[in-house]
Amino acid sequence: MAKYKVQGIGKFVTNLITTTELSNKEILAKVKETFPEAQTSMSCIAWYQTNVRKNVKVPAPVVLTDEQFEEEFKV
């Protein structure tokens, strides 16, 4: 199994928050599915939600192809 950078989870969650209508619970499920060894909790997802709201100058969401996603989140 490939290892992932810890910061990759932050990018992943922020991307989901800014590009989808998923609930926090659904986002957490996607994180657990994509990063099975992650210790991410609902509190973490709530923190990312707050962080995105605080930073109103969020750049336009980036939608990655499957190949780009794999390359971006691999170590």
PDB file of N, CA and C in Angstrom:
ATOM      1  N   MET A   1       0.842  -1.179   0.000  1.00  0.00           N
ATOM      2  CA  MET A   1       0.000   0.000   0.000  1.00  0.00           C
ATOM      3  C   MET A   1       0.889   1.244   0.000  1.00  0.00           C
ATOM      4  N   ALA A   2       0.494   2.219  -0.784  1.00  0.00           N
ATOM      5  CA  ALA A   2       1.271   3.462  -0.874  1.00  0.00           C
ATOM      6  C   ALA A   2       1.093   4.289   0.389  1.00  0.00           C
ATOM      7  N   LYS A   3       2.145   4.998   0.764  1.00  0.00           N
ATOM      8  CA  LYS A   3       2.063   5.893   1.916  1.00  0.00           C
ATOM      9  C   LYS A   3       1.682   7.281   1.413  1.00  0.00           C
ATOM     10  N   TYR A   4       1.029   8.039   2.262  1.00  0.00           N
ATOM     11  CA  TYR A   4       0.562   9.361   1.896  1.00  0.00           C
ATOM     12  C   TYR A   4       1.162  10.405   2.824  1.00  0.00           C
ATOM     13  N   LYS A   5       1.373  11.593   2.296  1.00  0.00           N
ATOM     14  CA  LYS A   5       1.838  12.702   3.117  1.00  0.00           C
ATOM     15  C   LYS A   5       0.688  13.153   3.997  1.00  0.00           C
ATOM     16  N   VAL A   6       0.997  13.566   5.208  1.00  0.00           N
ATOM     17  CA  VAL A   6      -0.042  14.043   6.116  1.00  0.00           C
ATOM     18  C   VAL A   6      -0.723  15.267   5.535  1.00  0.00           C
ATOM     19  N   GLN A   7       0.038  16.176   4.929  1.00  0.00           N
ATOM     20  CA  GLN A   7      -0.569  17.366   4.370  1.00  0.00           C
ATOM     21  C   GLN A   7      -1.533  17.025   3.236  1.00  0.00           C
ATOM     22  N   GLY A   8      -1.400  15.852   2.637  1.00  0.00           N
ATOM     23  CA  GLY A   8      -2.300  15.435   1.577  1.00  0.00           C
ATOM     24  C   GLY A   8      -3.739  15.343   2.055  1.00  0.00           C
ATOM     25  N   ILE A   9      -3.933  14.979   3.309  1.00  0.00           N
ATOM     26  CA  ILE A   9      -5.285  14.886   3.852  1.00  0.00           C
ATOM     27  C   ILE A   9      -5.913  16.272   3.901  1.00  0.00           C
ATOM     28  N   GLY A  10      -5.156  17.256   4.311  1.00  0.00           N
ATOM     29  CA  GLY A  10      -5.670  18.627   4.356  1.00  0.00           C
ATOM     30  C   GLY A  10      -6.096  19.121   2.993  1.00  0.00           C
ATOM     31  N   LYS A  11      -5.263  18.879   1.993  1.00  0.00           N
ATOM     32  CA  LYS A  11      -5.617  19.281   0.629  1.00  0.00           C
ATOM     33  C   LYS A  11      -6.863  18.527   0.162  1.00  0.00           C
ATOM     34  N   PHE A  12      -6.899  17.243   0.484  1.00  0.00           N
ATOM     35  CA  PHE A  12      -8.018  16.397   0.076  1.00  0.00           C
ATOM     36  C   PHE A  12      -9.325  16.905   0.688  1.00  0.00           C
ATOM     37  N   VAL A  13      -9.300  17.150   1.986  1.00  0.00           N
ATOM     38  CA  VAL A  13     -10.502  17.616   2.685  1.00  0.00           C
ATOM     39  C   VAL A  13     -10.920  19.006   2.176  1.00  0.00           C
ATOM     40  N   THR A  14      -9.966  19.903   2.047  1.00  0.00           N
ATOM     41  CA  THR A  14     -10.276  21.249   1.564  1.00  0.00           C
ATOM     42  C   THR A  14     -10.882  21.189   0.165  1.00  0.00           C
ATOM     43  N   ASN A  15     -10.344  20.324  -0.671  1.00  0.00           N
ATOM     44  CA  ASN A  15     -10.888  20.171  -2.017  1.00  0.00           C
ATOM     45  C   ASN A  15     -12.333  19.673  -1.966  1.00  0.00           C
ATOM     46  N   LEU A  16     -12.607  18.699  -1.108  1.00  0.00           N
ATOM     47  CA  LEU A  16     -13.985  18.198  -0.988  1.00  0.00           C
ATOM     48  C   LEU A  16     -14.928  19.283  -0.472  1.00  0.00           C
ATOM     49  N   ILE A  17     -14.470  20.064   0.490  1.00  0.00           N
ATOM     50  CA  ILE A  17     -15.307  21.126   1.060  1.00  0.00           C
ATOM     51  C   ILE A  17     -15.654  22.161   0.002  1.00  0.00           C
ATOM     52  N   THR A  18     -14.667  22.525  -0.808  1.00  0.00           N
ATOM     53  CA  THR A  18     -14.882  23.615  -1.768  1.00  0.00           C
ATOM     54  C   THR A  18     -15.496  23.169  -3.088  1.00  0.00           C
ATOM     55  N   THR A  19     -15.502  21.864  -3.362  1.00  0.00           N
ATOM     56  CA  THR A  19     -16.009  21.422  -4.668  1.00  0.00           C
ATOM     57  C   THR A  19     -17.249  20.534  -4.593  1.00  0.00           C
ATOM     58  N   THR A  20     -17.676  20.175  -3.385  1.00  0.00           N
ATOM     59  CA  THR A  20     -18.832  19.283  -3.266  1.00  0.00           C
ATOM     60  C   THR A  20     -19.830  19.827  -2.249  1.00  0.00           C
ATOM     61  N   GLU A  21     -20.946  19.173  -2.177  1.00  0.00           N
ATOM     62  CA  GLU A  21     -21.981  19.496  -1.187  1.00  0.00           C
ATOM     63  C   GLU A  21     -22.045  18.416  -0.110  1.00  0.00           C
ATOM     64  N   LEU A  22     -20.969  17.681   0.063  1.00  0.00           N
ATOM     65  CA  LEU A  22     -20.948  16.582   1.040  1.00  0.00           C
ATOM     66  C   LEU A  22     -21.037  17.123   2.466  1.00  0.00           C
ATOM     67  N   SER A  23     -21.687  16.354   3.327  1.00  0.00           N
ATOM     68  CA  SER A  23     -21.737  16.701   4.751  1.00  0.00           C
ATOM     69  C   SER A  23     -20.396  16.346   5.391  1.00  0.00           C
ATOM     70  N   ASN A  24     -20.177  16.836   6.598  1.00  0.00           N
ATOM     71  CA  ASN A  24     -18.944  16.506   7.314  1.00  0.00           C
ATOM     72  C   ASN A  24     -18.803  14.999   7.492  1.00  0.00           C
ATOM     73  N   LYS A  25     -19.905  14.335   7.779  1.00  0.00           N
ATOM     74  CA  LYS A  25     -19.891  12.884   7.972  1.00  0.00           C
ATOM     75  C   LYS A  25     -19.475  12.181   6.669  1.00  0.00           C
ATOM     76  N   GLU A  26     -19.985  12.650   5.550  1.00  0.00           N
ATOM     77  CA  GLU A  26     -19.641  12.060   4.252  1.00  0.00           C
ATOM     78  C   GLU A  26     -18.172  12.334   3.898  1.00  0.00           C
ATOM     79  N   ILE A  27     -17.701  13.538   4.227  1.00  0.00           N
ATOM     80  CA  ILE A  27     -16.299  13.875   3.974  1.00  0.00           C
ATOM     81  C   ILE A  27     -15.396  12.976   4.807  1.00  0.00           C
ATOM     82  N   LEU A  28     -15.737  12.777   6.072  1.00  0.00           N
ATOM     83  CA  LEU A  28     -14.940  11.901   6.931  1.00  0.00           C
ATOM     84  C   LEU A  28     -14.906  10.482   6.362  1.00  0.00           C
ATOM     85  N   ALA A  29     -16.023   9.996   5.865  1.00  0.00           N
ATOM     86  CA  ALA A  29     -16.072   8.655   5.275  1.00  0.00           C
ATOM     87  C   ALA A  29     -15.140   8.566   4.068  1.00  0.00           C
ATOM     88  N   LYS A  30     -15.108   9.605   3.247  1.00  0.00           N
ATOM     89  CA  LYS A  30     -14.212   9.624   2.082  1.00  0.00           C
ATOM     90  C   LYS A  30     -12.751   9.647   2.519  1.00  0.00           C
ATOM     91  N   VAL A  31     -12.449  10.405   3.578  1.00  0.00           N
ATOM     92  CA  VAL A  31     -11.081  10.455   4.091  1.00  0.00           C
ATOM     93  C   VAL A  31     -10.666   9.068   4.567  1.00  0.00           C
ATOM     94  N   LYS A  32     -11.520   8.411   5.332  1.00  0.00           N
ATOM     95  CA  LYS A  32     -11.213   7.072   5.859  1.00  0.00           C
ATOM     96  C   LYS A  32     -11.037   6.061   4.725  1.00  0.00           C
ATOM     97  N   GLU A  33     -11.810   6.232   3.656  1.00  0.00           N
ATOM     98  CA  GLU A  33     -11.720   5.343   2.501  1.00  0.00           C
ATOM     99  C   GLU A  33     -10.401   5.573   1.738  1.00  0.00           C
ATOM    100  N   THR A  34     -10.035   6.836   1.569  1.00  0.00           N
ATOM    101  CA  THR A  34      -8.849   7.193   0.792  1.00  0.00           C
ATOM    102  C   THR A  34      -7.561   7.056   1.591  1.00  0.00           C
ATOM    103  N   PHE A  35      -7.637   7.387   2.884  1.00  0.00           N
ATOM    104  CA  PHE A  35      -6.477   7.331   3.769  1.00  0.00           C
ATOM    105  C   PHE A  35      -6.819   6.415   4.952  1.00  0.00           C
ATOM    106  N   PRO A  36      -6.839   5.104   4.747  1.00  0.00           N
ATOM    107  CA  PRO A  36      -7.308   4.172   5.779  1.00  0.00           C
ATOM    108  C   PRO A  36      -6.557   4.248   7.105  1.00  0.00           C
ATOM    109  N   GLU A  37      -5.323   4.681   7.090  1.00  0.00           N
ATOM    110  CA  GLU A  37      -4.558   4.744   8.329  1.00  0.00           C
ATOM    111  C   GLU A  37      -4.668   6.098   9.024  1.00  0.00           C
ATOM    112  N   ALA A  38      -5.420   7.005   8.440  1.00  0.00           N
ATOM    113  CA  ALA A  38      -5.557   8.355   9.004  1.00  0.00           C
ATOM    114  C   ALA A  38      -6.314   8.310  10.330  1.00  0.00           C
ATOM    115  N   GLN A  39      -5.946   9.231  11.202  1.00  0.00           N
ATOM    116  CA  GLN A  39      -6.637   9.346  12.485  1.00  0.00           C
ATOM    117  C   GLN A  39      -7.568  10.566  12.476  1.00  0.00           C
ATOM    118  N   THR A  40      -8.029  10.930  11.313  1.00  0.00           N
ATOM    119  CA  THR A  40      -8.907  12.082  11.146  1.00  0.00           C
ATOM    120  C   THR A  40     -10.232  11.828  11.855  1.00  0.00           C
ATOM    121  N   SER A  41     -10.749  12.863  12.513  1.00  0.00           N
ATOM    122  CA  SER A  41     -12.013  12.753  13.253  1.00  0.00           C
ATOM    123  C   SER A  41     -12.985  13.822  12.755  1.00  0.00           C
ATOM    124  N   MET A  42     -14.197  13.787  13.298  1.00  0.00           N
ATOM    125  CA  MET A  42     -15.186  14.811  12.958  1.00  0.00           C
ATOM    126  C   MET A  42     -14.680  16.187  13.375  1.00  0.00           C
ATOM    127  N   SER A  43     -13.944  16.256  14.458  1.00  0.00           N
ATOM    128  CA  SER A  43     -13.378  17.532  14.908  1.00  0.00           C
ATOM    129  C   SER A  43     -12.414  18.091  13.866  1.00  0.00           C
ATOM    130  N   CYS A  44     -11.647  17.224  13.256  1.00  0.00           N
ATOM    131  CA  CYS A  44     -10.708  17.661  12.210  1.00  0.00           C
ATOM    132  C   CYS A  44     -11.463  18.244  11.020  1.00  0.00           C
ATOM    133  N   ILE A  45     -12.505  17.547  10.598  1.00  0.00           N
ATOM    134  CA  ILE A  45     -13.289  18.009   9.456  1.00  0.00           C
ATOM    135  C   ILE A  45     -13.927  19.361   9.790  1.00  0.00           C
ATOM    136  N   ALA A  46     -14.449  19.506  10.994  1.00  0.00           N
ATOM    137  CA  ALA A  46     -15.038  20.781  11.421  1.00  0.00           C
ATOM    138  C   ALA A  46     -13.985  21.893  11.409  1.00  0.00           C
ATOM    139  N   TRP A  47     -12.756  21.565  11.808  1.00  0.00           N
ATOM    140  CA  TRP A  47     -11.679  22.553  11.793  1.00  0.00           C
ATOM    141  C   TRP A  47     -11.418  23.015  10.359  1.00  0.00           C
ATOM    142  N   TYR A  48     -11.340  22.063   9.421  1.00  0.00           N
ATOM    143  CA  TYR A  48     -11.126  22.426   8.016  1.00  0.00           C
ATOM    144  C   TYR A  48     -12.276  23.289   7.497  1.00  0.00           C
ATOM    145  N   GLN A  49     -13.514  22.948   7.865  1.00  0.00           N
ATOM    146  CA  GLN A  49     -14.671  23.755   7.445  1.00  0.00           C
ATOM    147  C   GLN A  49     -14.515  25.197   7.937  1.00  0.00           C
ATOM    148  N   THR A  50     -14.150  25.357   9.196  1.00  0.00           N
ATOM    149  CA  THR A  50     -13.966  26.687   9.774  1.00  0.00           C
ATOM    150  C   THR A  50     -12.822  27.407   9.084  1.00  0.00           C
ATOM    151  N   ASN A  51     -11.742  26.707   8.843  1.00  0.00           N
ATOM    152  CA  ASN A  51     -10.587  27.307   8.195  1.00  0.00           C
ATOM    153  C   ASN A  51     -10.937  27.803   6.791  1.00  0.00           C
ATOM    154  N   VAL A  52     -11.711  27.022   6.055  1.00  0.00           N
ATOM    155  CA  VAL A  52     -12.127  27.435   4.710  1.00  0.00           C
ATOM    156  C   VAL A  52     -13.002  28.692   4.801  1.00  0.00           C
ATOM    157  N   ARG A  53     -13.925  28.715   5.763  1.00  0.00           N
ATOM    158  CA  ARG A  53     -14.803  29.894   5.919  1.00  0.00           C
ATOM    159  C   ARG A  53     -14.008  31.136   6.309  1.00  0.00           C
ATOM    160  N   LYS A  54     -13.007  30.969   7.175  1.00  0.00           N
ATOM    161  CA  LYS A  54     -12.195  32.108   7.610  1.00  0.00           C
ATOM    162  C   LYS A  54     -11.386  32.690   6.464  1.00  0.00           C
ATOM    163  N   ASN A  55     -10.906  31.838   5.605  1.00  0.00           N
ATOM    164  CA  ASN A  55     -10.084  32.275   4.477  1.00  0.00           C
ATOM    165  C   ASN A  55     -10.971  32.493   3.259  1.00  0.00           C
ATOM    166  N   VAL A  56     -11.660  33.596   3.269  1.00  0.00           N
ATOM    167  CA  VAL A  56     -12.613  33.892   2.203  1.00  0.00           C
ATOM    168  C   VAL A  56     -11.926  33.915   0.842  1.00  0.00           C
ATOM    169  N   LYS A  57     -10.642  34.189   0.823  1.00  0.00           N
ATOM    170  CA  LYS A  57      -9.899  34.265  -0.427  1.00  0.00           C
ATOM    171  C   LYS A  57      -9.450  32.885  -0.890  1.00  0.00           C
ATOM    172  N   VAL A  58     -10.316  31.898  -0.785  1.00  0.00           N
ATOM    173  CA  VAL A  58      -9.995  30.543  -1.210  1.00  0.00           C
ATOM    174  C   VAL A  58      -9.892  30.545  -2.731  1.00  0.00           C
ATOM    175  N   PRO A  59      -8.797  30.017  -3.271  1.00  0.00           N
ATOM    176  CA  PRO A  59      -8.667  29.978  -4.726  1.00  0.00           C
ATOM    177  C   PRO A  59      -9.738  29.078  -5.338  1.00  0.00           C
ATOM    178  N   ALA A  60      -9.955  29.268  -6.615  1.00  0.00           N
ATOM    179  CA  ALA A  60     -10.941  28.449  -7.316  1.00  0.00           C
ATOM    180  C   ALA A  60     -10.619  26.982  -7.085  1.00  0.00           C
ATOM    181  N   PRO A  61     -11.637  26.164  -6.855  1.00  0.00           N
ATOM    182  CA  PRO A  61     -11.406  24.742  -6.612  1.00  0.00           C
ATOM    183  C   PRO A  61     -10.698  24.091  -7.795  1.00  0.00           C
ATOM    184  N   VAL A  62      -9.845  23.167  -7.478  1.00  0.00           N
ATOM    185  CA  VAL A  62      -9.129  22.429  -8.500  1.00  0.00           C
ATOM    186  C   VAL A  62      -9.734  21.036  -8.572  1.00  0.00           C
ATOM    187  N   VAL A  63     -10.221  20.702  -9.734  1.00  0.00           N
ATOM    188  CA  VAL A  63     -10.768  19.369  -9.941  1.00  0.00           C
ATOM    189  C   VAL A  63      -9.684  18.558 -10.634  1.00  0.00           C
ATOM    190  N   LEU A  64      -9.245  17.501  -9.966  1.00  0.00           N
ATOM    191  CA  LEU A  64      -8.155  16.684 -10.485  1.00  0.00           C
ATOM    192  C   LEU A  64      -8.692  15.471 -11.239  1.00  0.00           C
ATOM    193  N   THR A  65      -7.974  15.101 -12.288  1.00  0.00           N
ATOM    194  CA  THR A  65      -8.285  13.840 -12.950  1.00  0.00           C
ATOM    195  C   THR A  65      -7.801  12.719 -12.037  1.00  0.00           C
ATOM    196  N   ASP A  66      -8.193  11.499 -12.319  1.00  0.00           N
ATOM    197  CA  ASP A  66      -7.748  10.365 -11.508  1.00  0.00           C
ATOM    198  C   ASP A  66      -6.227  10.265 -11.500  1.00  0.00           C
ATOM    199  N   GLU A  67      -5.605  10.485 -12.658  1.00  0.00           N
ATOM    200  CA  GLU A  67      -4.149  10.402 -12.748  1.00  0.00           C
ATOM    201  C   GLU A  67      -3.491  11.511 -11.928  1.00  0.00           C
ATOM    202  N   GLN A  68      -4.025  12.733 -12.020  1.00  0.00           N
ATOM    203  CA  GLN A  68      -3.475  13.852 -11.247  1.00  0.00           C
ATOM    204  C   GLN A  68      -3.636  13.603  -9.750  1.00  0.00           C
ATOM    205  N   PHE A  69      -4.792  13.063  -9.359  1.00  0.00           N
ATOM    206  CA  PHE A  69      -5.044  12.783  -7.951  1.00  0.00           C
ATOM    207  C   PHE A  69      -4.017  11.783  -7.418  1.00  0.00           C
ATOM    208  N   GLU A  70      -3.812  10.695  -8.163  1.00  0.00           N
ATOM    209  CA  GLU A  70      -2.855   9.675  -7.737  1.00  0.00           C
ATOM    210  C   GLU A  70      -1.453  10.269  -7.605  1.00  0.00           C
ATOM    211  N   GLU A  71      -1.078  11.101  -8.562  1.00  0.00           N
ATOM    212  CA  GLU A  71       0.259  11.706  -8.523  1.00  0.00           C
ATOM    213  C   GLU A  71       0.377  12.692  -7.363  1.00  0.00           C
ATOM    214  N   GLU A  72      -0.648  13.484  -7.123  1.00  0.00           N
ATOM    215  CA  GLU A  72      -0.621  14.517  -6.088  1.00  0.00           C
ATOM    216  C   GLU A  72      -0.509  13.922  -4.688  1.00  0.00           C
ATOM    217  N   PHE A  73      -1.188  12.812  -4.432  1.00  0.00           N
ATOM    218  CA  PHE A  73      -1.256  12.284  -3.084  1.00  0.00           C
ATOM    219  C   PHE A  73      -0.331  11.107  -2.801  1.00  0.00           C
ATOM    220  N   LYS A  74       0.557  10.773  -3.723  1.00  0.00           N
ATOM    221  CA  LYS A  74       1.552   9.724  -3.484  1.00  0.00           C
ATOM    222  C   LYS A  74       2.793  10.355  -2.870  1.00  0.00           C
ATOM    223  N   VAL A  75       3.507   9.561  -2.127  1.00  0.00           N
ATOM    224  CA  VAL A  75       4.796  10.017  -1.557  1.00  0.00           C
ATOM    225  C   VAL A  75       5.869   9.767  -2.577  1.00  0.00           C
TER     226      VAL A  75
END
